Amino acid sequence: MASADPTYPLCALDGTCPAGMVCDGSLCKPVDTSGKYNWNLGADVTAEASDTASQPDSWQRSNDVSAHDTTSQISTDVTSPDDSRAGGATVANLQKNSTCAQPTGSPVGTAVTLDNVIVTGPMILAGTYPVFFVRDVKASTSAPQWNGVKVFVFGANPKVKPTDIISLTGQVVEYYCETQLRVESQDIKTLGGAQPVAAYAVASSDIAYDEPSTEAYEGAWLEIKNIEVVQPNMMGSDGKTHGEFAVRSAGSNGPLVAIGPSSGTSFSALDPVSSQVTSKWSKGTVFSKIRGHLHYSFGRYVLRPPTDQDLQTP
């Protein structure tokens, strides 16, 4: 891993920065009173958590399964003694060593390079920004814990696809307590491809939407089987519906898993009466399989299928 010196906060998604700074690429950089960049201020710059005042306490992810500092920055300890790969950083260690004591929309990032990671699942959009997920090429094929992370792209669409093996350099951040890699498109290099990437099969009880232990699966490409809809529309923290629905293992009273839409799915739509986004499923609908990446959003873990084909009914 390469450490950033100085470290600058990332630009907000709308391109804004804290007072006295301007967005340069994906980073907020200081300006002096004449409007010019002042590169000497960087070591003292911290992100303003201007958005956190309106966020509920439930947005704060539990640290029960994390173990490092008590700031919103990522621990720089992302290597392990037995990791001899170039660059040293792994997806698993980034996820294990991330902590989030204070949710913020203006997180301070730490520079990192990942070599030989594989793209899992098709690209989706977060607004107009390309988003995809990766895991280590050498990751376990049977243990999904810590084996996935979201990559948020600034700049041109890199047009990576599932099974591509890539290297990338960017900033690892905790954006409202979801671990993300934020990269410029030119810092993504394709090394090869055509390696099959199977979703990890997990029990629905492993990824309950409100359990701290679910954090270990964040960012992973997962698959759950034989589940049924319990709540056709889950309420968000704002008291509105956003197209998410709850499932559990069919015929059981097990924990609930939240399923949510992404840019590639059509199972949700804006209700013209309520002006809220609702799902099209009814209570009792059974799925033989649902596959997706596990996100952390608005205080809950949500499995988001990237396409309609990733939800299969009997």
Protein backbone atom coordinates (compact mmCIF):
# COMPACT_ATOMS: atom_id res chain seq x y z
CA MET A 1 0.00 0.00 0.00
CA ALA A 2 1.18 3.52 -0.76
CA SER A 3 0.29 6.08 1.86
CA ALA A 4 -0.89 9.56 0.94
CA ASP A 5 1.29 12.47 2.01
CA PRO A 6 -0.36 14.85 2.47
CA THR A 7 -3.85 13.32 2.93
CA TYR A 8 -6.79 15.25 1.51
CA PRO A 9 -10.53 14.64 1.98
CA LEU A 10 -12.49 13.36 -0.99
CA CYS A 11 -14.85 15.58 -2.94
CA ALA A 12 -18.54 15.08 -2.19
CA LEU A 13 -20.52 13.34 -4.91
CA ASP A 14 -21.78 16.71 -6.17
CA GLY A 15 -18.22 18.01 -6.47
CA THR A 16 -18.34 20.26 -3.40
CA CYS A 17 -15.62 20.56 -0.74
CA PRO A 18 -15.20 22.02 2.75
CA ALA A 19 -14.68 25.77 3.01
CA GLY A 20 -11.27 26.88 1.75
CA MET A 21 -10.86 23.90 -0.56
CA VAL A 22 -11.63 23.06 -4.19
CA CYS A 23 -12.31 19.75 -5.91
CA ASP A 24 -9.34 18.61 -8.00
CA GLY A 25 -10.16 15.28 -9.59
CA SER A 26 -11.63 13.30 -6.69
CA LEU A 27 -9.78 15.12 -3.88
CA CYS A 28 -10.51 18.38 -2.06
CA LYS A 29 -7.36 20.48 -2.03
CA PRO A 30 -6.72 23.71 -0.12
CA VAL A 31 -6.54 27.15 -1.67
CA ASP A 32 -4.95 30.27 -0.26
CA THR A 33 -6.65 33.67 -0.20
CA SER A 34 -5.55 34.37 -3.77
CA GLY A 35 -7.44 31.31 -5.00
CA LYS A 36 -4.33 29.27 -5.80
CA TYR A 37 -3.65 25.78 -4.53
CA ASN A 38 -1.78 25.73 -1.25
CA TRP A 39 -0.15 22.31 -1.18
CA ASN A 40 1.47 22.90 2.21
CA LEU A 41 -1.80 22.79 4.13
CA GLY A 42 -2.67 19.21 3.34
CA ALA A 43 -1.34 17.53 6.45
CA ASP A 44 -3.60 19.66 8.63
CA VAL A 45 -6.76 19.36 6.55
CA THR A 46 -9.60 17.25 7.88
CA ALA A 47 -12.97 16.56 6.32
CA GLU A 48 -16.00 18.40 7.62
CA ALA A 49 -18.82 16.02 8.51
CA SER A 50 -21.37 18.60 7.40
CA ASP A 51 -23.92 15.97 6.42
CA THR A 52 -23.84 13.96 9.63
CA ALA A 53 -26.00 16.30 11.68
CA SER A 54 -29.08 15.15 9.78
CA GLN A 55 -28.23 11.44 9.91
CA PRO A 56 -29.77 9.19 12.58
CA ASP A 57 -27.57 7.41 15.09
CA SER A 58 -28.58 4.11 13.49
CA TRP A 59 -26.33 4.96 10.55
CA GLN A 60 -23.29 4.26 12.70
CA ARG A 61 -22.07 0.76 11.98
CA SER A 62 -21.21 -1.35 14.99
CA ASN A 63 -17.53 -1.81 15.70
CA ASP A 64 -18.05 -5.22 17.33
CA VAL A 65 -16.39 -6.93 14.38
CA SER A 66 -13.81 -4.21 13.76
CA ALA A 67 -10.78 -3.45 15.78
CA HIS A 68 -8.73 -0.36 15.15
CA ASP A 69 -8.76 3.38 15.70
CA THR A 70 -11.75 5.48 16.71
CA THR A 71 -11.69 7.94 13.82
CA SER A 72 -13.52 7.88 10.50
CA GLN A 73 -10.25 7.26 8.67
CA ILE A 74 -9.16 3.85 7.45
CA SER A 75 -6.36 2.17 9.34
CA THR A 76 -3.21 2.16 7.22
CA ASP A 77 -2.41 -1.35 8.44
CA VAL A 78 -3.69 -3.18 5.37
CA THR A 79 -0.85 -5.63 4.90
CA SER A 80 -0.08 -8.84 6.68
CA PRO A 81 3.23 -10.67 7.22
CA ASP A 82 2.22 -13.54 4.94
CA ASP A 83 1.19 -11.27 2.05
CA SER A 84 4.03 -11.18 -0.46
CA ARG A 85 2.08 -9.67 -3.33
CA ALA A 86 3.31 -6.48 -4.97
CA GLY A 87 1.82 -3.50 -3.15
CA GLY A 88 0.97 -5.63 -0.11
CA ALA A 89 -2.70 -4.61 0.17
CA THR A 90 -5.57 -7.07 -0.17
CA VAL A 91 -9.31 -6.60 -0.32
CA ALA A 92 -9.67 -8.80 2.75
CA ASN A 93 -7.30 -6.70 4.84
CA LEU A 94 -8.90 -3.44 3.71
CA GLN A 95 -12.26 -4.71 4.91
CA LYS A 96 -11.00 -6.25 8.14
CA ASN A 97 -9.08 -3.14 9.17
CA SER A 98 -11.71 -0.52 8.38
CA THR A 99 -13.53 1.23 11.20
CA CYS A 100 -16.25 3.85 11.29
CA ALA A 101 -16.81 5.64 14.56
CA GLN A 102 -18.48 8.67 13.00
CA PRO A 103 -20.58 8.49 9.81
CA THR A 104 -19.61 11.18 7.31
CA GLY A 105 -20.24 12.09 3.70
CA SER A 106 -16.82 13.77 3.45
CA PRO A 107 -14.46 11.00 4.52
CA VAL A 108 -10.68 11.32 4.55
CA GLY A 109 -9.12 8.63 2.37
CA THR A 110 -5.91 6.67 2.52
CA ALA A 111 -4.13 5.87 -0.76
CA VAL A 112 -3.85 2.21 -1.65
CA THR A 113 -2.94 0.03 -4.62
CA LEU A 114 -4.60 -3.34 -5.22
CA ASP A 115 -2.93 -5.72 -7.64
CA ASN A 116 -4.56 -8.80 -9.15
CA VAL A 117 -8.16 -8.34 -8.12
CA ILE A 118 -11.07 -9.70 -10.11
CA VAL A 119 -14.30 -7.94 -11.04
CA THR A 120 -17.38 -9.66 -9.61
CA GLY A 121 -20.70 -9.00 -11.27
CA PRO A 122 -21.67 -6.38 -13.86
CA MET A 123 -21.14 -2.66 -13.46
CA ILE A 124 -23.98 -0.55 -12.04
CA LEU A 125 -24.48 3.19 -11.68
CA ALA A 126 -24.69 5.33 -8.55
CA GLY A 127 -26.31 8.36 -10.09
CA THR A 128 -24.01 8.94 -13.05
CA TYR A 129 -20.95 7.33 -11.45
CA PRO A 130 -19.83 3.83 -12.52
CA VAL A 131 -19.64 1.35 -9.65
CA PHE A 132 -18.33 -2.20 -9.60
CA PHE A 133 -17.01 -4.70 -7.06
CA VAL A 134 -13.78 -6.67 -6.78
CA ARG A 135 -12.27 -9.42 -4.68
CA ASP A 136 -8.76 -10.84 -4.51
CA VAL A 137 -7.86 -13.29 -7.28
CA LYS A 138 -6.42 -15.57 -4.60
CA ALA A 139 -9.44 -15.24 -2.32
CA SER A 140 -10.97 -18.36 -0.87
CA THR A 141 -13.60 -19.89 -3.15
CA SER A 142 -15.64 -21.06 -0.17
CA ALA A 143 -15.29 -18.39 2.56
CA PRO A 144 -16.97 -15.08 1.60
CA GLN A 145 -16.10 -13.14 4.74
CA TRP A 146 -14.18 -9.92 3.90
CA ASN A 147 -13.87 -10.96 0.25
CA GLY A 148 -15.36 -8.02 -1.63
CA VAL A 149 -15.30 -4.24 -1.82
CA LYS A 150 -17.13 -1.53 -3.77
CA VAL A 151 -15.16 0.51 -6.32
CA PHE A 152 -16.53 3.99 -7.04
CA VAL A 153 -15.19 5.50 -10.26
CA PHE A 154 -14.58 9.17 -11.06
CA GLY A 155 -14.04 10.08 -14.70
CA ALA A 156 -14.76 8.07 -17.84
CA ASN A 157 -16.46 4.69 -17.61
CA PRO A 158 -13.61 2.15 -17.37
CA LYS A 159 -15.78 -0.51 -19.06
CA VAL A 160 -14.51 -3.35 -16.92
CA LYS A 161 -16.61 -6.49 -16.93
CA PRO A 162 -17.07 -9.58 -14.77
CA THR A 163 -14.04 -11.89 -14.78
CA ASP A 164 -11.62 -9.05 -15.67
CA ILE A 165 -8.45 -9.16 -13.59
CA ILE A 166 -7.30 -5.62 -12.84
CA SER A 167 -5.02 -3.47 -10.74
CA LEU A 168 -6.15 -0.13 -9.37
CA THR A 169 -4.93 2.73 -7.24
CA GLY A 170 -7.25 4.97 -5.28
CA GLN A 171 -8.47 6.10 -1.89
CA VAL A 172 -10.06 3.72 0.59
CA VAL A 173 -12.77 5.50 2.58
CA GLU A 174 -15.68 4.88 4.90
CA TYR A 175 -18.58 6.68 3.20
CA TYR A 176 -21.35 6.78 5.80
CA CYS A 177 -19.75 3.62 7.20
CA GLU A 178 -19.61 1.67 3.94
CA THR A 179 -16.08 0.74 2.88
CA GLN A 180 -15.38 2.01 -0.63
CA LEU A 181 -12.46 2.41 -2.98
CA ARG A 182 -12.65 5.68 -4.91
CA VAL A 183 -10.56 5.70 -8.04
CA GLU A 184 -9.95 7.75 -11.16
CA SER A 185 -10.72 5.77 -14.31
CA GLN A 186 -7.16 6.20 -15.62
CA ASP A 187 -5.84 4.44 -12.49
CA ILE A 188 -7.55 1.17 -13.41
CA LYS A 189 -5.47 -1.25 -15.48
CA THR A 190 -6.80 -4.46 -17.01
CA LEU A 191 -4.33 -7.34 -16.64
CA GLY A 192 -6.32 -10.22 -18.09
CA GLY A 193 -9.63 -11.97 -17.72
CA ALA A 194 -11.89 -14.93 -18.40
CA GLN A 195 -11.58 -16.36 -14.89
CA PRO A 196 -15.03 -17.55 -13.74
CA VAL A 197 -16.38 -15.82 -10.64
CA ALA A 198 -19.03 -17.78 -8.79
CA ALA A 199 -21.16 -16.11 -6.15
CA TYR A 200 -20.58 -17.30 -2.61
CA ALA A 201 -23.51 -19.42 -1.40
CA VAL A 202 -24.54 -18.26 2.08
CA ALA A 203 -27.46 -18.90 4.39
CA SER A 204 -29.93 -16.04 4.63
CA SER A 205 -29.30 -16.01 8.37
CA ASP A 206 -25.67 -15.05 7.67
CA ILE A 207 -26.61 -11.68 6.18
CA ALA A 208 -29.45 -10.36 8.33
CA TYR A 209 -29.96 -6.69 7.56
CA ASP A 210 -29.54 -5.51 11.14
CA GLU A 211 -26.85 -7.80 12.59
CA PRO A 212 -23.31 -6.46 13.29
CA SER A 213 -21.85 -9.80 12.15
CA THR A 214 -23.16 -9.13 8.64
CA GLU A 215 -20.38 -6.58 8.19
CA ALA A 216 -17.97 -9.40 7.35
CA TYR A 217 -19.93 -9.99 4.12
CA GLU A 218 -20.06 -6.36 2.96
CA GLY A 219 -19.01 -5.98 -0.67
CA ALA A 220 -19.06 -9.72 -1.37
CA TRP A 221 -20.78 -11.38 -4.36
CA LEU A 222 -23.37 -13.57 -2.63
CA GLU A 223 -26.20 -15.96 -3.36
CA ILE A 224 -29.08 -17.06 -1.14
CA LYS A 225 -31.55 -19.82 -2.03
CA ASN A 226 -35.12 -20.86 -1.27
CA ILE A 227 -36.34 -17.64 0.30
CA GLU A 228 -39.72 -15.95 0.47
CA VAL A 229 -40.93 -12.37 0.70
CA VAL A 230 -42.03 -11.37 4.19
CA GLN A 231 -42.28 -7.60 3.77
CA PRO A 232 -42.98 -6.40 0.21
CA ASN A 233 -41.87 -2.88 1.14
CA MET A 234 -39.39 -2.08 3.91
CA MET A 235 -39.51 1.39 5.39
CA GLY A 236 -36.34 3.46 5.22
CA SER A 237 -34.94 5.53 8.08
CA ASP A 238 -36.86 8.49 6.62
CA GLY A 239 -40.19 6.69 7.00
CA LYS A 240 -40.54 6.15 3.25
CA THR A 241 -40.18 3.16 0.96
CA HIS A 242 -37.31 2.92 -1.55
CA GLY A 243 -38.01 -0.31 -3.40
CA GLU A 244 -36.42 -2.56 -0.78
CA PHE A 245 -38.18 -5.70 0.42
CA ALA A 246 -37.47 -8.26 3.14
CA VAL A 247 -37.03 -12.01 2.69
CA ARG A 248 -36.17 -14.96 4.92
CA SER A 249 -35.59 -18.65 4.48
CA ALA A 250 -38.85 -20.09 3.13
CA GLY A 251 -41.12 -21.56 5.79
CA SER A 252 -38.95 -20.33 8.67
CA ASN A 253 -39.01 -17.63 11.31
CA GLY A 254 -35.37 -16.76 10.66
CA PRO A 255 -33.80 -13.31 10.45
CA LEU A 256 -34.72 -10.93 7.66
CA VAL A 257 -32.54 -10.09 4.67
CA ALA A 258 -33.07 -6.76 2.89
CA ILE A 259 -33.13 -6.89 -0.92
CA GLY A 260 -32.86 -3.63 -2.83
CA PRO A 261 -32.86 -2.34 -6.41
CA SER A 262 -29.86 -1.18 -8.39
CA SER A 263 -29.53 0.57 -11.75
CA GLY A 264 -29.89 -2.76 -13.58
CA THR A 265 -33.12 -4.01 -11.97
CA SER A 266 -36.75 -3.20 -12.74
CA PHE A 267 -38.58 -4.76 -9.80
CA SER A 268 -39.29 -1.36 -8.23
CA ALA A 269 -41.09 1.70 -9.51
CA LEU A 270 -42.29 5.10 -8.38
CA ASP A 271 -45.83 4.92 -7.03
CA PRO A 272 -47.71 7.93 -8.47
CA VAL A 273 -50.09 8.00 -5.52
CA SER A 274 -47.63 7.85 -2.64
CA SER A 275 -44.66 9.34 -4.56
CA GLN A 276 -42.57 6.56 -3.04
CA VAL A 277 -40.60 3.78 -4.72
CA THR A 278 -42.22 0.39 -4.13
CA SER A 279 -41.36 -3.17 -5.10
CA LYS A 280 -43.58 -5.32 -7.32
CA TRP A 281 -43.44 -8.41 -5.13
CA SER A 282 -46.25 -9.62 -2.91
CA LYS A 283 -45.94 -11.29 0.49
CA GLY A 284 -45.26 -15.01 0.13
CA THR A 285 -43.46 -14.75 -3.23
CA VAL A 286 -40.81 -17.50 -3.28
CA PHE A 287 -37.42 -17.19 -4.98
CA SER A 288 -35.28 -20.18 -5.77
CA LYS A 289 -32.25 -17.89 -5.84
CA ILE A 290 -31.27 -14.25 -5.32
CA ARG A 291 -27.74 -13.14 -6.16
CA GLY A 292 -26.12 -9.77 -5.56
CA HIS A 293 -23.52 -7.65 -3.81
CA LEU A 294 -24.01 -6.73 -0.19
CA HIS A 295 -24.15 -2.97 0.40
CA TYR A 296 -24.38 -0.96 3.61
CA SER A 297 -26.85 1.87 3.18
CA PHE A 298 -28.93 4.05 5.51
CA GLY A 299 -28.24 1.95 8.56
CA ARG A 300 -28.88 -1.49 7.09
CA TYR A 301 -27.17 -4.15 5.01
CA VAL A 302 -28.87 -4.63 1.65
CA LEU A 303 -28.29 -7.33 -0.96
CA ARG A 304 -28.63 -5.61 -4.36
CA PRO A 305 -29.03 -7.82 -7.46
CA PRO A 306 -27.32 -6.04 -10.38
CA THR A 307 -29.80 -7.37 -12.99
CA ASP A 308 -33.31 -8.83 -13.09
CA GLN A 309 -31.76 -12.18 -14.04
CA ASP A 310 -30.21 -12.33 -10.57
CA LEU A 311 -33.66 -12.94 -9.03
CA GLN A 312 -35.00 -16.37 -9.96
CA THR A 313 -38.41 -17.78 -9.11
CA PRO A 314 -39.18 -21.52 -9.20
